[in-house]
């Protein structure tokens, strides 16, 4: 079904996607990436989002930055404000100016540089008017207060406890402004209690689906685009009334990435910036 409201997303083609280093448990040096398969899967994601009525903008891939394809780490965008990332590992630090420039090109004149380590929407997810902030492996715990102050929104801090789920968006997904899905075992006991209290009707994922990065999905509140390898989670999501759109995305799991990892949500486009939506596609992968 078409979304009731069109959303804006930023993506980066996987032209230079590869596994050239190991900074999470999924990455294994020497594992070969199939460029054609990666391109096919990435294109399927983009065209699915567009078929649902959403607008996808592309930023330019850069040689030597294989993880630039994981655009969700490229910042946090809410309303007219954006915050660039500050990566924990030097292997990804050079991505920051490209993400910041891509946001400035799209009309976000206020693109803040964080003081604390902050890996963008990978660890900061908007649920209604609240930001869920993940820490434990990549983003600093102190980044939560910094993000809340900048955007003027309430922030709930959550601590990740399983290194396989090193970013919040690998362990928790936002389905709509009131509903989430998550893997309880990915969080420390205190965070599990917080999530139970805040979201008593949340969908609880099974480890088998989370291991396929099934929680790393994109939802517009009606449609859910997710891994085809997480059937249990897909059934649970469908039973809640969402339209599930499964796609193959296993090539990116070689680097610990999934569907959401490749999509930065541009929440609530800045007023008067509609014309900037018309950027042409920059590169064919």
Protein backbone atom coordinates (compact mmCIF):
# COMPACT_ATOMS: atom_id res chain seq x y z
CA UNK A 1 0.00 0.00 0.00
CA UNK A 2 1.09 3.56 -0.58
CA UNK A 3 2.16 5.45 2.51
CA UNK A 4 -0.32 7.96 3.88
CA UNK A 5 2.46 10.55 3.96
CA UNK A 6 5.56 10.72 1.78
CA UNK A 7 8.88 10.66 3.58
CA UNK A 8 12.35 11.78 2.58
CA UNK A 9 15.36 9.51 2.79
CA UNK A 10 19.05 9.88 2.00
CA UNK A 11 20.98 6.94 0.57
CA UNK A 12 24.44 6.39 -0.89
CA UNK A 13 25.05 3.92 -3.75
CA UNK A 14 27.30 0.94 -2.87
CA UNK A 15 29.80 1.72 -5.63
CA UNK A 16 32.79 1.25 -3.31
CA UNK A 17 31.20 -1.06 -0.75
CA UNK A 18 33.63 -3.71 0.49
CA UNK A 19 34.99 -5.30 3.68
CA UNK A 20 38.40 -3.69 4.05
CA UNK A 21 38.69 -3.73 7.86
CA UNK A 22 36.97 -5.29 10.87
CA UNK A 23 35.29 -2.98 13.39
CA UNK A 24 32.33 -5.15 14.41
CA UNK A 25 31.77 -8.91 14.95
CA UNK A 26 30.18 -9.33 11.53
CA UNK A 27 33.20 -8.14 9.53
CA UNK A 28 35.86 -10.65 8.49
CA UNK A 29 38.92 -9.51 6.62
CA UNK A 30 39.22 -11.32 3.34
CA UNK A 31 35.48 -11.89 2.94
CA UNK A 32 34.60 -11.08 -0.62
CA UNK A 33 31.75 -8.77 -1.53
CA UNK A 34 29.83 -9.39 -4.74
CA UNK A 35 29.49 -5.86 -6.20
CA UNK A 36 26.74 -6.83 -8.64
CA UNK A 37 24.68 -8.49 -5.92
CA UNK A 38 25.18 -5.53 -3.60
CA UNK A 39 24.04 -3.15 -6.32
CA UNK A 40 20.99 -5.27 -7.09
CA UNK A 41 19.93 -5.44 -3.44
CA UNK A 42 20.55 -1.74 -2.79
CA UNK A 43 18.59 -0.80 -5.93
CA UNK A 44 15.71 -3.04 -4.84
CA UNK A 45 15.58 -1.18 -1.52
CA UNK A 46 15.59 2.22 -3.19
CA UNK A 47 12.93 1.32 -5.75
CA UNK A 48 10.73 -0.27 -3.07
CA UNK A 49 10.79 2.93 -1.01
CA UNK A 50 10.01 4.99 -4.10
CA UNK A 51 7.16 2.67 -5.11
CA UNK A 52 5.63 3.29 -1.68
CA UNK A 53 5.51 6.99 -2.50
CA UNK A 54 8.65 8.16 -0.72
CA UNK A 55 11.39 10.42 -2.05
CA UNK A 56 14.92 9.03 -2.00
CA UNK A 57 17.90 11.33 -2.50
CA UNK A 58 21.32 10.00 -3.37
CA UNK A 59 24.63 11.32 -2.13
CA UNK A 60 27.89 10.67 -3.95
CA UNK A 61 29.90 7.56 -3.06
CA UNK A 62 33.61 8.12 -2.43
CA UNK A 63 36.58 5.86 -3.17
CA UNK A 64 38.30 4.63 -0.04
CA UNK A 65 35.12 4.91 2.07
CA UNK A 66 33.46 1.49 1.73
CA UNK A 67 30.98 2.07 4.58
CA UNK A 68 29.64 5.36 3.26
CA UNK A 69 26.79 3.25 1.90
CA UNK A 70 25.50 2.96 5.49
CA UNK A 71 23.87 6.39 5.35
CA UNK A 72 21.92 5.97 8.60
CA UNK A 73 25.20 6.69 10.38
CA UNK A 74 25.45 9.97 8.48
CA UNK A 75 23.71 12.06 11.10
CA UNK A 76 20.43 12.89 12.77
CA UNK A 77 17.90 15.05 10.94
CA UNK A 78 14.77 16.39 12.62
CA UNK A 79 12.88 19.40 11.31
CA UNK A 80 15.24 22.12 10.13
CA UNK A 81 18.18 20.87 12.19
CA UNK A 82 20.79 18.25 11.48
CA UNK A 83 23.71 16.86 13.46
CA UNK A 84 26.70 15.31 11.75
CA UNK A 85 28.29 12.11 13.08
CA UNK A 86 31.44 11.65 15.14
CA UNK A 87 32.67 8.11 14.58
CA UNK A 88 34.42 5.96 17.16
CA UNK A 89 36.75 4.25 14.70
CA UNK A 90 39.31 6.05 12.54
CA UNK A 91 38.35 3.84 9.60
CA UNK A 92 35.05 5.72 9.31
CA UNK A 93 36.05 9.19 10.54
CA UNK A 94 36.70 10.48 7.02
CA UNK A 95 33.01 9.97 6.16
CA UNK A 96 31.86 12.85 8.36
CA UNK A 97 32.57 15.80 6.03
CA UNK A 98 30.82 14.06 3.13
CA UNK A 99 27.70 13.47 5.20
CA UNK A 100 27.76 17.03 6.55
CA UNK A 101 28.14 18.42 3.03
CA UNK A 102 25.30 16.26 1.72
CA UNK A 103 22.99 17.64 4.41
CA UNK A 104 24.03 21.24 3.80
CA UNK A 105 23.36 20.78 0.07
CA UNK A 106 19.80 19.80 0.96
CA UNK A 107 19.00 22.99 2.82
CA UNK A 108 20.00 22.14 6.37
CA UNK A 109 22.00 25.24 7.20
CA UNK A 110 22.33 24.22 10.83
CA UNK A 111 24.45 21.10 10.74
CA UNK A 112 25.95 20.74 14.20
CA UNK A 113 29.22 18.94 14.92
CA UNK A 114 28.82 16.84 18.08
CA UNK A 115 31.30 17.01 20.97
CA UNK A 116 30.72 13.38 21.94
CA UNK A 117 31.00 10.23 19.85
CA UNK A 118 27.73 9.96 17.96
CA UNK A 119 27.07 7.55 15.10
CA UNK A 120 23.94 9.21 13.81
CA UNK A 121 20.65 7.46 13.30
CA UNK A 122 22.38 4.18 13.91
CA UNK A 123 22.10 4.96 17.62
CA UNK A 124 19.44 7.70 17.75
CA UNK A 125 15.91 6.76 16.68
CA UNK A 126 12.91 9.09 16.75
CA UNK A 127 9.69 7.62 18.20
CA UNK A 128 6.93 10.21 18.15
CA UNK A 129 8.51 13.20 19.88
CA UNK A 130 11.06 11.17 21.84
CA UNK A 131 14.54 10.08 20.82
CA UNK A 132 15.76 6.66 21.87
CA UNK A 133 19.54 6.84 22.32
CA UNK A 134 21.76 3.78 22.24
CA UNK A 135 25.25 3.49 23.72
CA UNK A 136 27.61 0.79 24.82
CA UNK A 137 29.65 0.10 21.71
CA UNK A 138 29.73 3.09 19.35
CA UNK A 139 28.03 6.29 20.55
CA UNK A 140 28.94 7.82 23.92
CA UNK A 141 26.39 7.83 26.71
CA UNK A 142 27.01 11.59 27.08
CA UNK A 143 25.88 12.09 23.48
CA UNK A 144 22.27 11.51 24.54
CA UNK A 145 22.07 14.76 26.52
CA UNK A 146 23.83 16.64 23.73
CA UNK A 147 21.36 15.39 21.11
CA UNK A 148 18.35 16.15 23.32
CA UNK A 149 19.51 19.70 23.99
CA UNK A 150 20.21 20.41 20.32
CA UNK A 151 16.88 19.16 19.01
CA UNK A 152 14.84 20.20 22.04
CA UNK A 153 13.35 16.75 22.51
CA UNK A 154 13.17 14.22 25.33
CA UNK A 155 15.79 11.49 25.11
CA UNK A 156 15.67 8.01 26.62
CA UNK A 157 19.08 6.39 27.11
CA UNK A 158 19.48 2.67 26.43
CA UNK A 159 22.59 0.54 26.88
CA UNK A 160 23.43 -2.17 24.38
CA UNK A 161 24.98 -5.31 25.86
CA UNK A 162 25.56 -7.74 22.96
CA UNK A 163 28.43 -6.82 20.58
CA UNK A 164 26.60 -8.40 17.65
CA UNK A 165 24.08 -5.59 17.98
CA UNK A 166 26.55 -2.74 18.18
CA UNK A 167 24.13 -0.03 17.01
CA UNK A 168 20.64 0.61 18.35
CA UNK A 169 19.11 0.16 14.90
CA UNK A 170 20.33 -3.45 14.78
CA UNK A 171 18.49 -4.32 18.00
CA UNK A 172 15.42 -2.08 17.86
CA UNK A 173 13.15 -0.75 15.13
CA UNK A 174 10.52 1.98 15.09
CA UNK A 175 7.30 0.87 13.43
CA UNK A 176 5.23 4.00 14.10
CA UNK A 177 5.06 6.86 16.58
CA UNK A 178 3.91 4.52 19.37
CA UNK A 179 5.22 1.09 18.44
CA UNK A 180 8.63 -0.53 18.40
CA UNK A 181 10.08 -4.00 17.93
CA UNK A 182 13.23 -5.08 19.73
CA UNK A 183 15.39 -7.94 20.94
CA UNK A 184 15.37 -7.83 24.77
CA UNK A 185 18.64 -9.76 25.13
CA UNK A 186 20.50 -7.05 23.20
CA UNK A 187 20.08 -4.62 26.11
CA UNK A 188 21.30 -4.51 29.70
CA UNK A 189 18.74 -5.30 32.44
CA UNK A 190 18.01 -1.66 33.27
CA UNK A 191 17.30 -0.81 29.63
CA UNK A 192 15.02 -3.82 29.26
CA UNK A 193 12.99 -2.48 32.16
CA UNK A 194 12.78 0.96 30.57
CA UNK A 195 11.58 -0.51 27.28
CA UNK A 196 8.99 -2.70 29.01
CA UNK A 197 7.59 0.33 30.83
CA UNK A 198 7.55 2.65 27.82
CA UNK A 199 6.39 0.15 25.21
CA UNK A 200 4.31 -2.59 26.87
CA UNK A 201 2.83 -3.58 23.50
CA UNK A 202 6.15 -3.78 21.66
CA UNK A 203 6.92 -6.68 19.35
CA UNK A 204 9.62 -8.86 20.91
CA UNK A 205 11.93 -10.32 18.30
CA UNK A 206 13.57 -13.73 18.42
CA UNK A 207 17.35 -14.09 18.27
CA UNK A 208 17.14 -16.07 15.03
CA UNK A 209 15.52 -13.13 13.22
CA UNK A 210 17.74 -10.55 14.89
CA UNK A 211 20.83 -12.49 13.74
CA UNK A 212 19.67 -11.85 10.18
CA UNK A 213 19.37 -8.14 11.05
CA UNK A 214 15.60 -8.42 10.69
CA UNK A 215 15.14 -5.54 13.15
CA UNK A 216 17.21 -3.30 10.91
CA UNK A 217 14.16 -2.23 8.90
CA UNK A 218 12.45 0.85 7.51
CA UNK A 219 8.83 1.60 8.40
CA UNK A 220 6.62 4.51 7.34
CA UNK A 221 3.94 3.62 9.88
CA UNK A 222 1.98 1.49 7.41
CA UNK A 223 4.59 -0.32 5.32
CA UNK A 224 7.61 -2.18 6.65
CA UNK A 225 10.57 -2.91 4.37
CA UNK A 226 12.64 -5.63 5.99
CA UNK A 227 14.94 -8.60 5.46
CA UNK A 228 13.43 -11.58 3.70
CA UNK A 229 15.41 -13.80 6.09
CA UNK A 230 13.44 -12.90 9.23
CA UNK A 231 10.12 -14.73 8.72
CA UNK A 232 9.11 -14.88 12.39
CA UNK A 233 9.47 -11.13 12.83
CA UNK A 234 7.72 -10.55 9.50
CA UNK A 235 4.73 -12.57 10.69
CA UNK A 236 4.58 -10.69 13.98
CA UNK A 237 4.75 -7.34 12.19
CA UNK A 238 2.10 -8.37 9.69
CA UNK A 239 -0.22 -9.53 12.47
CA UNK A 240 -0.12 -5.99 13.87
CA UNK A 241 -1.59 -4.68 10.62
CA UNK A 242 1.53 -3.47 8.81
CA UNK A 243 2.15 -4.33 5.17
CA UNK A 244 5.45 -6.21 5.03
CA UNK A 245 7.75 -5.82 2.02
CA UNK A 246 10.55 -8.40 2.32
CA UNK A 247 13.70 -8.00 0.24
CA UNK A 248 17.00 -9.86 0.08
CA UNK A 249 19.78 -7.84 1.68
CA UNK A 250 22.34 -10.37 2.86
CA UNK A 251 25.31 -8.95 0.94
CA UNK A 252 25.50 -5.99 3.30
CA UNK A 253 25.43 -8.22 6.37
CA UNK A 254 29.04 -9.08 5.56
CA UNK A 255 29.85 -5.65 7.00
CA UNK A 256 27.25 -5.81 9.76
CA UNK A 257 24.75 -3.72 7.84
CA UNK A 258 21.10 -4.10 6.95
CA UNK A 259 18.24 -2.26 5.34
CA UNK A 260 17.92 0.56 7.86
CA UNK A 261 21.70 1.01 7.91
CA UNK A 262 21.49 2.18 4.30
CA UNK A 263 18.71 4.74 4.87
CA UNK A 264 18.96 8.06 6.72
CA UNK A 265 15.52 9.45 7.55
CA UNK A 266 15.14 13.18 6.88
CA UNK A 267 12.37 13.72 9.42
CA UNK A 268 10.05 16.62 8.62
CA UNK A 269 11.69 18.43 5.70
CA UNK A 270 12.59 22.07 6.37
CA UNK A 271 9.88 24.54 5.39
CA UNK A 272 10.40 25.98 1.95
CA UNK A 273 12.88 23.34 0.87
CA UNK A 274 10.57 21.28 -1.33
CA UNK A 275 12.45 22.35 -4.46
CA UNK A 276 15.63 20.74 -3.13
CA UNK A 277 14.01 17.33 -3.48
CA UNK A 278 14.74 17.35 -7.18
CA UNK A 279 18.42 16.35 -6.99
CA UNK A 280 19.20 13.84 -9.77
CA UNK A 281 20.62 10.43 -8.99
CA UNK A 282 24.37 10.88 -8.73
CA UNK A 283 25.73 7.47 -9.64
CA UNK A 284 24.66 4.11 -10.94
CA UNK A 285 26.28 1.36 -8.85
